[in-house]
Amino acid sequence: MQSIKLSEKELLEALDLAAQRHEAKHVSVRDTGPRMTSKYETKLVDFIGDIRYKPHFLGLLGEMAYAKATGGEINKEIYNRGDDHTGDVGRVEVKTSTWMGPDIDLKITQREVEDIENQPERYVLMKVNESNFSEVEFIGEISRGDFIKKATKKRYKPGYPMNYILDGRKLDKNI
């Protein structure tokens, strides 16, 4: 797996964008969810300061690392209801995981795959270790069409959304 190193300047830019993305959301959804309110201490949490920015910050680390590795640019537009779904780096949707096990999966909600008009051309899976978050790992990428053909559907718990799931080891490893 390829590792992409982000500079201090890039980390600070990611933090600034994460704060903007978070604060742009409506107050009714802004501070909800387990990741938003978890209080455990990591180097990442110490760096970002405000735990509420963590989900956006993690996503931005993956987006910025992929853009850096491919010569692309991340979408820096701030939306109050989510992005336009065409992609985070050009027409590529970047998903970032903190799962440290060997069985890392690319997960995309059924709604995101099936019900949204604009669609990316490719999906990418990146991995961030919260203890060494300036080094982002590229796990793999896949075309949207191949993802839909190869993925299985899974709901993790009752009441959770249905997801399309594909084992990260089945993704293309070329960046």
N, C-alpha and C. Protein backbone atom coordinates (compact mmCIF):
# COMPACT_ATOMS: atom_id res chain seq x y z
N MET A 1 0.82 -1.18 0.00
CA MET A 1 0.00 0.00 0.00
C MET A 1 0.86 1.24 0.00
N GLN A 2 0.41 2.23 -0.72
CA GLN A 2 1.14 3.48 -0.83
C GLN A 2 0.75 4.43 0.29
N SER A 3 1.74 5.09 0.87
CA SER A 3 1.50 6.05 1.93
C SER A 3 1.80 7.45 1.40
N ILE A 4 0.93 8.39 1.71
CA ILE A 4 1.09 9.77 1.27
C ILE A 4 1.25 10.64 2.51
N LYS A 5 2.34 11.40 2.57
CA LYS A 5 2.65 12.26 3.72
C LYS A 5 2.06 13.65 3.50
N LEU A 6 1.28 14.11 4.46
CA LEU A 6 0.74 15.46 4.42
C LEU A 6 1.59 16.38 5.28
N SER A 7 1.84 17.59 4.78
CA SER A 7 2.65 18.57 5.51
C SER A 7 1.83 19.22 6.62
N GLU A 8 2.50 19.93 7.48
CA GLU A 8 1.82 20.68 8.55
C GLU A 8 0.86 21.70 7.94
N LYS A 9 1.28 22.36 6.87
CA LYS A 9 0.42 23.33 6.18
C LYS A 9 -0.84 22.65 5.65
N GLU A 10 -0.70 21.47 5.07
CA GLU A 10 -1.86 20.74 4.55
C GLU A 10 -2.78 20.29 5.68
N LEU A 11 -2.21 19.87 6.80
CA LEU A 11 -3.02 19.47 7.96
C LEU A 11 -3.82 20.65 8.50
N LEU A 12 -3.19 21.81 8.56
CA LEU A 12 -3.89 23.00 9.04
C LEU A 12 -4.99 23.42 8.06
N GLU A 13 -4.75 23.28 6.77
CA GLU A 13 -5.78 23.58 5.78
C GLU A 13 -6.96 22.61 5.93
N ALA A 14 -6.65 21.33 6.15
CA ALA A 14 -7.71 20.33 6.37
C ALA A 14 -8.53 20.69 7.61
N LEU A 15 -7.87 21.11 8.67
CA LEU A 15 -8.57 21.48 9.89
C LEU A 15 -9.48 22.69 9.66
N ASP A 16 -8.98 23.68 8.94
CA ASP A 16 -9.79 24.86 8.64
C ASP A 16 -11.02 24.48 7.82
N LEU A 17 -10.85 23.67 6.79
CA LEU A 17 -11.98 23.24 5.96
C LEU A 17 -12.95 22.37 6.76
N ALA A 18 -12.41 21.51 7.63
CA ALA A 18 -13.27 20.66 8.47
C ALA A 18 -14.17 21.51 9.35
N ALA A 19 -13.61 22.54 9.96
CA ALA A 19 -14.40 23.43 10.80
C ALA A 19 -15.48 24.13 9.98
N GLN A 20 -15.12 24.61 8.79
CA GLN A 20 -16.09 25.28 7.93
C GLN A 20 -17.21 24.33 7.50
N ARG A 21 -16.84 23.11 7.11
CA ARG A 21 -17.85 22.13 6.69
C ARG A 21 -18.79 21.79 7.83
N HIS A 22 -18.23 21.61 9.02
CA HIS A 22 -19.04 21.27 10.18
C HIS A 22 -20.01 22.41 10.52
N GLU A 23 -19.50 23.60 10.63
CA GLU A 23 -20.31 24.74 11.06
C GLU A 23 -21.36 25.14 10.02
N ALA A 24 -21.18 24.74 8.76
CA ALA A 24 -22.16 25.06 7.72
C ALA A 24 -23.43 24.22 7.83
N LYS A 25 -23.37 23.11 8.56
CA LYS A 25 -24.53 22.23 8.71
C LYS A 25 -25.56 22.84 9.65
N HIS A 26 -26.80 22.47 9.45
CA HIS A 26 -27.88 22.94 10.33
C HIS A 26 -27.63 22.43 11.75
N VAL A 27 -27.95 23.22 12.72
CA VAL A 27 -27.72 22.88 14.12
C VAL A 27 -28.37 21.56 14.52
N SER A 28 -29.45 21.15 13.86
CA SER A 28 -30.15 19.91 14.22
C SER A 28 -29.33 18.66 13.87
N VAL A 29 -28.36 18.77 12.97
CA VAL A 29 -27.53 17.62 12.59
C VAL A 29 -26.06 17.86 12.86
N ARG A 30 -25.72 19.06 13.22
CA ARG A 30 -24.31 19.45 13.35
C ARG A 30 -23.55 18.64 14.39
N ASP A 31 -24.11 18.42 15.55
CA ASP A 31 -23.38 17.79 16.64
C ASP A 31 -24.00 16.47 17.06
N THR A 32 -24.34 15.65 16.09
CA THR A 32 -24.96 14.36 16.39
C THR A 32 -24.05 13.22 15.94
N GLY A 33 -24.33 12.04 16.44
CA GLY A 33 -23.58 10.85 16.03
C GLY A 33 -22.46 10.53 16.99
N PRO A 34 -22.09 9.25 17.10
CA PRO A 34 -21.08 8.82 18.06
C PRO A 34 -19.70 9.39 17.80
N ARG A 35 -19.29 9.54 16.55
CA ARG A 35 -17.97 10.09 16.28
C ARG A 35 -17.88 11.55 16.67
N MET A 36 -19.01 12.24 16.57
CA MET A 36 -19.02 13.66 16.89
C MET A 36 -18.80 13.90 18.38
N THR A 37 -19.23 12.99 19.19
CA THR A 37 -19.22 13.24 20.63
C THR A 37 -18.23 12.35 21.39
N SER A 38 -17.50 11.45 20.70
CA SER A 38 -16.54 10.59 21.41
C SER A 38 -15.44 11.46 22.01
N LYS A 39 -15.00 11.08 23.19
CA LYS A 39 -14.05 11.92 23.92
C LYS A 39 -12.67 11.28 24.11
N TYR A 40 -12.44 10.10 23.52
CA TYR A 40 -11.17 9.45 23.80
C TYR A 40 -10.01 10.26 23.22
N GLU A 41 -8.87 10.19 23.88
CA GLU A 41 -7.70 10.98 23.52
C GLU A 41 -6.82 10.26 22.51
N THR A 42 -6.50 10.95 21.44
CA THR A 42 -5.53 10.49 20.45
C THR A 42 -4.74 11.71 20.00
N LYS A 43 -3.65 11.48 19.28
CA LYS A 43 -2.89 12.61 18.74
C LYS A 43 -3.76 13.42 17.79
N LEU A 44 -4.62 12.74 17.06
CA LEU A 44 -5.51 13.42 16.13
C LEU A 44 -6.47 14.34 16.88
N VAL A 45 -7.09 13.84 17.93
CA VAL A 45 -8.03 14.65 18.72
C VAL A 45 -7.30 15.83 19.34
N ASP A 46 -6.09 15.61 19.83
CA ASP A 46 -5.31 16.71 20.39
C ASP A 46 -5.04 17.78 19.33
N PHE A 47 -4.73 17.36 18.10
CA PHE A 47 -4.42 18.30 17.02
C PHE A 47 -5.64 19.12 16.62
N ILE A 48 -6.79 18.46 16.46
CA ILE A 48 -7.96 19.20 15.96
C ILE A 48 -8.61 20.04 17.05
N GLY A 49 -8.42 19.66 18.30
CA GLY A 49 -8.95 20.49 19.39
C GLY A 49 -10.43 20.29 19.63
N ASP A 50 -11.25 20.46 18.64
CA ASP A 50 -12.70 20.34 18.79
C ASP A 50 -13.14 19.01 18.18
N ILE A 51 -13.54 18.06 19.01
CA ILE A 51 -13.91 16.71 18.57
C ILE A 51 -15.02 16.73 17.52
N ARG A 52 -15.83 17.78 17.52
CA ARG A 52 -16.93 17.85 16.56
C ARG A 52 -16.46 17.92 15.11
N TYR A 53 -15.23 18.33 14.89
CA TYR A 53 -14.70 18.45 13.53
C TYR A 53 -14.08 17.15 13.02
N LYS A 54 -13.99 16.16 13.87
CA LYS A 54 -13.28 14.93 13.54
C LYS A 54 -13.77 14.24 12.26
N PRO A 55 -15.06 14.00 12.07
CA PRO A 55 -15.48 13.30 10.84
C PRO A 55 -15.07 14.03 9.56
N HIS A 56 -15.26 15.34 9.53
CA HIS A 56 -14.87 16.11 8.36
C HIS A 56 -13.35 16.12 8.19
N PHE A 57 -12.62 16.24 9.30
CA PHE A 57 -11.16 16.26 9.24
C PHE A 57 -10.63 14.95 8.67
N LEU A 58 -11.15 13.82 9.16
CA LEU A 58 -10.71 12.52 8.65
C LEU A 58 -10.97 12.40 7.15
N GLY A 59 -12.15 12.80 6.73
CA GLY A 59 -12.47 12.76 5.30
C GLY A 59 -11.54 13.63 4.48
N LEU A 60 -11.26 14.81 4.98
CA LEU A 60 -10.37 15.72 4.27
C LEU A 60 -8.94 15.19 4.19
N LEU A 61 -8.48 14.48 5.20
CA LEU A 61 -7.14 13.89 5.13
C LEU A 61 -7.06 12.92 3.94
N GLY A 62 -8.09 12.08 3.79
CA GLY A 62 -8.11 11.15 2.66
C GLY A 62 -8.18 11.88 1.33
N GLU A 63 -9.06 12.89 1.26
CA GLU A 63 -9.21 13.65 0.02
C GLU A 63 -7.91 14.35 -0.35
N MET A 64 -7.28 15.01 0.62
CA MET A 64 -6.06 15.76 0.35
C MET A 64 -4.91 14.83 -0.05
N ALA A 65 -4.80 13.69 0.60
CA ALA A 65 -3.73 12.75 0.26
C ALA A 65 -3.93 12.20 -1.15
N TYR A 66 -5.16 11.85 -1.49
CA TYR A 66 -5.43 11.34 -2.83
C TYR A 66 -5.14 12.42 -3.88
N ALA A 67 -5.57 13.64 -3.62
CA ALA A 67 -5.32 14.74 -4.55
C ALA A 67 -3.81 14.97 -4.71
N LYS A 68 -3.09 14.91 -3.61
CA LYS A 68 -1.64 15.10 -3.66
C LYS A 68 -0.97 14.01 -4.49
N ALA A 69 -1.40 12.78 -4.32
CA ALA A 69 -0.80 11.65 -5.04
C ALA A 69 -1.13 11.66 -6.53
N THR A 70 -2.26 12.23 -6.89
CA THR A 70 -2.71 12.17 -8.29
C THR A 70 -2.58 13.51 -9.02
N GLY A 71 -2.18 14.54 -8.32
CA GLY A 71 -2.07 15.86 -8.94
C GLY A 71 -3.42 16.54 -9.10
N GLY A 72 -4.43 16.07 -8.39
CA GLY A 72 -5.76 16.65 -8.48
C GLY A 72 -5.96 17.72 -7.43
N GLU A 73 -7.18 18.24 -7.38
CA GLU A 73 -7.54 19.23 -6.37
C GLU A 73 -8.82 18.80 -5.68
N ILE A 74 -8.88 19.02 -4.37
CA ILE A 74 -10.10 18.67 -3.64
C ILE A 74 -11.17 19.73 -3.89
N ASN A 75 -12.40 19.31 -3.73
CA ASN A 75 -13.53 20.24 -3.81
C ASN A 75 -13.57 21.00 -2.49
N LYS A 76 -13.31 22.30 -2.54
CA LYS A 76 -13.26 23.12 -1.33
C LYS A 76 -14.55 23.89 -1.08
N GLU A 77 -15.54 23.65 -1.92
CA GLU A 77 -16.82 24.34 -1.73
C GLU A 77 -17.46 23.89 -0.42
N ILE A 78 -18.08 24.81 0.28
CA ILE A 78 -18.74 24.51 1.55
C ILE A 78 -20.24 24.42 1.29
N TYR A 79 -20.83 23.28 1.67
CA TYR A 79 -22.26 23.04 1.47
C TYR A 79 -22.96 22.96 2.82
N ASN A 80 -24.20 23.40 2.89
CA ASN A 80 -24.92 23.29 4.15
C ASN A 80 -25.75 22.01 4.22
N ARG A 81 -25.82 21.24 3.13
CA ARG A 81 -26.59 19.99 3.13
C ARG A 81 -25.85 18.85 2.46
N GLY A 82 -24.58 18.81 2.51
CA GLY A 82 -23.82 17.77 1.82
C GLY A 82 -23.39 18.27 0.45
N ASP A 83 -22.46 17.56 -0.16
CA ASP A 83 -21.92 18.02 -1.43
C ASP A 83 -22.80 17.59 -2.61
N ASP A 84 -22.31 17.84 -3.82
CA ASP A 84 -23.11 17.56 -5.01
C ASP A 84 -22.97 16.12 -5.50
N HIS A 85 -22.18 15.31 -4.82
CA HIS A 85 -22.03 13.87 -5.06
C HIS A 85 -21.30 13.51 -6.35
N THR A 86 -20.72 14.47 -7.04
CA THR A 86 -19.98 14.12 -8.26
C THR A 86 -18.57 13.66 -7.93
N GLY A 87 -18.05 14.04 -6.78
CA GLY A 87 -16.72 13.61 -6.39
C GLY A 87 -16.04 14.62 -5.50
N ASP A 88 -15.04 14.13 -4.78
CA ASP A 88 -14.26 14.97 -3.87
C ASP A 88 -13.01 15.52 -4.55
N VAL A 89 -12.46 14.73 -5.48
CA VAL A 89 -11.28 15.10 -6.26
C VAL A 89 -11.66 14.84 -7.71
N GLY A 90 -12.07 15.87 -8.40
CA GLY A 90 -12.61 15.66 -9.75
C GLY A 90 -13.86 14.80 -9.66
N ARG A 91 -13.93 13.75 -10.45
CA ARG A 91 -15.09 12.85 -10.46
C ARG A 91 -14.82 11.60 -9.61
N VAL A 92 -13.97 11.72 -8.61
CA VAL A 92 -13.61 10.61 -7.72
C VAL A 92 -14.15 10.89 -6.32
N GLU A 93 -14.93 9.95 -5.80
CA GLU A 93 -15.44 10.02 -4.43
C GLU A 93 -14.44 9.31 -3.52
N VAL A 94 -13.90 10.03 -2.54
CA VAL A 94 -12.88 9.48 -1.64
C VAL A 94 -13.54 9.13 -0.31
N LYS A 95 -13.36 7.89 0.12
CA LYS A 95 -13.84 7.43 1.42
C LYS A 95 -12.61 7.18 2.30
N THR A 96 -12.70 7.60 3.54
CA THR A 96 -11.57 7.47 4.47
C THR A 96 -12.00 6.66 5.67
N SER A 97 -11.17 5.68 6.02
CA SER A 97 -11.46 4.79 7.14
C SER A 97 -10.36 4.88 8.19
N THR A 98 -10.72 4.64 9.44
CA THR A 98 -9.74 4.54 10.52
C THR A 98 -9.58 3.09 10.99
N TRP A 99 -10.26 2.16 10.32
CA TRP A 99 -10.19 0.75 10.70
C TRP A 99 -8.78 0.24 10.48
N MET A 100 -8.17 -0.34 11.50
CA MET A 100 -6.78 -0.79 11.43
C MET A 100 -6.65 -2.28 11.12
N GLY A 101 -7.76 -2.99 11.02
CA GLY A 101 -7.69 -4.41 10.72
C GLY A 101 -7.36 -4.67 9.26
N PRO A 102 -7.00 -5.91 8.94
CA PRO A 102 -6.67 -6.26 7.55
C PRO A 102 -7.91 -6.36 6.66
N ASP A 103 -9.08 -6.41 7.26
CA ASP A 103 -10.33 -6.61 6.53
C ASP A 103 -11.06 -5.30 6.28
N ILE A 104 -10.34 -4.28 5.88
CA ILE A 104 -10.92 -2.95 5.64
C ILE A 104 -11.82 -3.01 4.40
N ASP A 105 -12.99 -2.38 4.51
CA ASP A 105 -13.97 -2.41 3.43
C ASP A 105 -14.24 -1.00 2.90
N LEU A 106 -14.57 -0.94 1.62
CA LEU A 106 -15.12 0.26 1.03
C LEU A 106 -16.61 0.18 1.24
N LYS A 107 -17.18 1.17 1.98
CA LYS A 107 -18.61 1.17 2.31
C LYS A 107 -19.25 2.44 1.78
N ILE A 108 -20.35 2.26 1.06
CA ILE A 108 -21.09 3.41 0.54
C ILE A 108 -22.56 3.12 0.75
N THR A 109 -23.28 4.06 1.31
CA THR A 109 -24.69 3.81 1.61
C THR A 109 -25.47 3.56 0.32
N GLN A 110 -26.50 2.73 0.45
CA GLN A 110 -27.36 2.41 -0.68
C GLN A 110 -27.96 3.68 -1.26
N ARG A 111 -28.36 4.58 -0.41
CA ARG A 111 -28.94 5.84 -0.86
C ARG A 111 -27.95 6.61 -1.73
N GLU A 112 -26.70 6.65 -1.30
CA GLU A 112 -25.67 7.36 -2.05
C GLU A 112 -25.41 6.71 -3.41
N VAL A 113 -25.47 5.40 -3.48
CA VAL A 113 -25.21 4.68 -4.73
C VAL A 113 -26.41 4.73 -5.66
N GLU A 114 -27.62 4.58 -5.12
CA GLU A 114 -28.80 4.39 -5.97
C GLU A 114 -29.68 5.62 -6.16
N ASP A 115 -29.77 6.50 -5.18
CA ASP A 115 -30.81 7.53 -5.20
C ASP A 115 -30.33 8.93 -5.54
N ILE A 116 -29.08 9.09 -5.83
CA ILE A 116 -28.55 10.42 -6.05
C ILE A 116 -28.31 10.62 -7.55
N GLU A 117 -28.73 11.77 -8.06
CA GLU A 117 -28.60 12.04 -9.50
C GLU A 117 -27.16 12.07 -9.97
N ASN A 118 -26.37 12.97 -9.44
CA ASN A 118 -24.97 13.10 -9.85
C ASN A 118 -24.16 11.98 -9.22
N GLN A 119 -23.31 11.35 -10.01
CA GLN A 119 -22.52 10.25 -9.48
C GLN A 119 -21.05 10.39 -9.88
N PRO A 120 -20.15 9.96 -9.00
CA PRO A 120 -18.73 9.97 -9.36
C PRO A 120 -18.42 8.87 -10.37
N GLU A 121 -17.27 8.95 -11.00
CA GLU A 121 -16.84 7.91 -11.93
C GLU A 121 -16.10 6.79 -11.21
N ARG A 122 -15.44 7.14 -10.09
CA ARG A 122 -14.63 6.18 -9.35
C ARG A 122 -14.83 6.39 -7.84
N TYR A 123 -14.54 5.32 -7.10
CA TYR A 123 -14.49 5.39 -5.64
C TYR A 123 -13.07 5.02 -5.20
N VAL A 124 -12.59 5.70 -4.16
CA VAL A 124 -11.25 5.46 -3.61
C VAL A 124 -11.39 5.21 -2.12
N LEU A 125 -10.58 4.30 -1.60
CA LEU A 125 -10.54 4.04 -0.16
C LEU A 125 -9.17 4.40 0.37
N MET A 126 -9.16 5.28 1.38
CA MET A 126 -7.95 5.71 2.06
C MET A 126 -8.07 5.31 3.53
N LYS A 127 -6.92 5.21 4.20
CA LYS A 127 -6.92 4.83 5.62
C LYS A 127 -6.05 5.79 6.43
N VAL A 128 -6.58 6.20 7.59
CA VAL A 128 -5.87 7.10 8.49
C VAL A 128 -5.71 6.43 9.85
N ASN A 129 -4.49 6.41 10.35
CA ASN A 129 -4.21 5.96 11.71
C ASN A 129 -4.20 7.20 12.60
N GLU A 130 -5.06 7.26 13.59
CA GLU A 130 -5.19 8.46 14.42
C GLU A 130 -3.91 8.79 15.20
N SER A 131 -3.00 7.84 15.35
CA SER A 131 -1.75 8.10 16.05
C SER A 131 -0.68 8.68 15.12
N ASN A 132 -0.88 8.51 13.80
CA ASN A 132 0.08 9.01 12.82
C ASN A 132 -0.71 9.55 11.62
N PHE A 133 -1.55 10.53 11.86
CA PHE A 133 -2.54 10.96 10.88
C PHE A 133 -1.98 11.77 9.72
N SER A 134 -0.71 12.18 9.79
CA SER A 134 -0.13 12.90 8.64
C SER A 134 0.28 11.94 7.53
N GLU A 135 0.31 10.64 7.82
CA GLU A 135 0.60 9.61 6.82
C GLU A 135 -0.72 8.92 6.48
N VAL A 136 -1.19 9.09 5.26
CA VAL A 136 -2.46 8.53 4.83
C VAL A 136 -2.18 7.41 3.84
N GLU A 137 -2.79 6.26 4.06
CA GLU A 137 -2.57 5.11 3.18
C GLU A 137 -3.62 5.04 2.08
N PHE A 138 -3.15 4.79 0.87
CA PHE A 138 -4.03 4.51 -0.25
C PHE A 138 -4.29 3.01 -0.24
N ILE A 139 -5.56 2.61 -0.06
CA ILE A 139 -5.93 1.19 -0.05
C ILE A 139 -6.24 0.71 -1.46
N GLY A 140 -7.00 1.50 -2.21
CA GLY A 140 -7.32 1.12 -3.58
C GLY A 140 -8.43 1.96 -4.16
N GLU A 141 -8.73 1.71 -5.43
CA GLU A 141 -9.80 2.43 -6.10
C GLU A 141 -10.50 1.51 -7.08
N ILE A 142 -11.69 1.92 -7.52
CA ILE A 142 -12.50 1.09 -8.40
C ILE A 142 -13.48 1.98 -9.15
N SER A 143 -13.81 1.59 -10.38
CA SER A 143 -14.82 2.36 -11.11
C SER A 143 -16.18 2.15 -10.44
N ARG A 144 -17.05 3.10 -10.60
CA ARG A 144 -18.39 3.00 -10.01
C ARG A 144 -19.12 1.77 -10.52
N GLY A 145 -19.03 1.51 -11.82
CA GLY A 145 -19.70 0.35 -12.41
C GLY A 145 -19.20 -0.97 -11.84
N ASP A 146 -17.87 -1.11 -11.71
CA ASP A 146 -17.31 -2.33 -11.14
C ASP A 146 -17.67 -2.48 -9.66
N PHE A 147 -17.70 -1.36 -8.95
CA PHE A 147 -18.08 -1.40 -7.53
C PHE A 147 -19.50 -1.96 -7.38
N ILE A 148 -20.42 -1.45 -8.17
CA ILE A 148 -21.81 -1.91 -8.08
C ILE A 148 -21.92 -3.40 -8.42
N LYS A 149 -21.16 -3.86 -9.40
CA LYS A 149 -21.18 -5.28 -9.80
C LYS A 149 -20.61 -6.19 -8.71
N LYS A 150 -19.52 -5.76 -8.06
CA LYS A 150 -18.78 -6.61 -7.13
C LYS A 150 -19.22 -6.51 -5.67
N ALA A 151 -19.83 -5.40 -5.30
CA ALA A 151 -20.17 -5.17 -3.89
C ALA A 151 -21.38 -6.00 -3.47
N THR A 152 -21.43 -6.26 -2.17
CA THR A 152 -22.61 -6.90 -1.58
C THR A 152 -23.31 -5.87 -0.70
N LYS A 153 -24.56 -6.13 -0.38
CA LYS A 153 -25.31 -5.21 0.48
C LYS A 153 -25.32 -5.74 1.91
N LYS A 154 -25.19 -4.81 2.85
CA LYS A 154 -25.15 -5.21 4.26
C LYS A 154 -25.68 -4.07 5.12
N ARG A 155 -26.48 -4.45 6.12
CA ARG A 155 -26.94 -3.51 7.15
C ARG A 155 -26.27 -3.98 8.44
N TYR A 156 -25.52 -3.09 9.09
CA TYR A 156 -24.73 -3.48 10.26
C TYR A 156 -25.56 -3.76 11.50
N LYS A 157 -26.62 -2.99 11.69
CA LYS A 157 -27.51 -3.18 12.84
C LYS A 157 -28.90 -2.75 12.42
N PRO A 158 -29.93 -3.26 13.10
CA PRO A 158 -31.28 -2.77 12.81
C PRO A 158 -31.35 -1.25 12.96
N GLY A 159 -31.98 -0.61 12.01
CA GLY A 159 -32.09 0.84 12.04
C GLY A 159 -30.95 1.57 11.36
N TYR A 160 -29.86 0.86 11.08
CA TYR A 160 -28.74 1.46 10.37
C TYR A 160 -29.04 1.43 8.87
N PRO A 161 -28.38 2.29 8.09
CA PRO A 161 -28.65 2.29 6.65
C PRO A 161 -28.07 1.05 5.97
N MET A 162 -28.68 0.68 4.85
CA MET A 162 -28.15 -0.39 4.01
C MET A 162 -26.91 0.17 3.30
N ASN A 163 -25.86 -0.64 3.22
CA ASN A 163 -24.62 -0.22 2.58
C ASN A 163 -24.22 -1.18 1.48
N TYR A 164 -23.56 -0.67 0.49
CA TYR A 164 -22.82 -1.48 -0.47
C TYR A 164 -21.43 -1.64 0.13
N ILE A 165 -20.94 -2.89 0.18
CA ILE A 165 -19.67 -3.20 0.83
C ILE A 165 -18.78 -3.97 -0.15
N LEU A 166 -17.49 -3.59 -0.21
CA LEU A 166 -16.52 -4.34 -1.00
C LEU A 166 -15.21 -4.41 -0.23
N ASP A 167 -14.69 -5.61 -0.10
CA ASP A 167 -13.42 -5.84 0.58
C ASP A 167 -12.33 -4.99 -0.09
N GLY A 168 -11.59 -4.25 0.69
CA GLY A 168 -10.52 -3.39 0.18
C GLY A 168 -9.45 -4.14 -0.61
N ARG A 169 -9.30 -5.44 -0.34
CA ARG A 169 -8.29 -6.23 -1.07
C ARG A 169 -8.70 -6.47 -2.51
N LYS A 170 -9.96 -6.17 -2.85
CA LYS A 170 -10.47 -6.37 -4.22
C LYS A 170 -10.41 -5.09 -5.04
N LEU A 171 -9.87 -4.03 -4.47
CA LEU A 171 -9.76 -2.76 -5.18
C LEU A 171 -8.47 -2.71 -6.01
N ASP A 172 -8.47 -1.90 -7.06
CA ASP A 172 -7.28 -1.68 -7.87
C ASP A 172 -6.24 -0.99 -7.00
N LYS A 173 -5.01 -1.44 -7.04
CA LYS A 173 -3.97 -0.92 -6.16
C LYS A 173 -3.13 0.19 -6.80
N ASN A 174 -3.39 0.53 -8.05
CA ASN A 174 -2.61 1.57 -8.73
C ASN A 174 -3.21 2.93 -8.45
N ILE A 175 -2.34 3.84 -8.10
CA ILE A 175 -2.81 5.21 -7.84
C ILE A 175 -2.38 6.11 -8.98
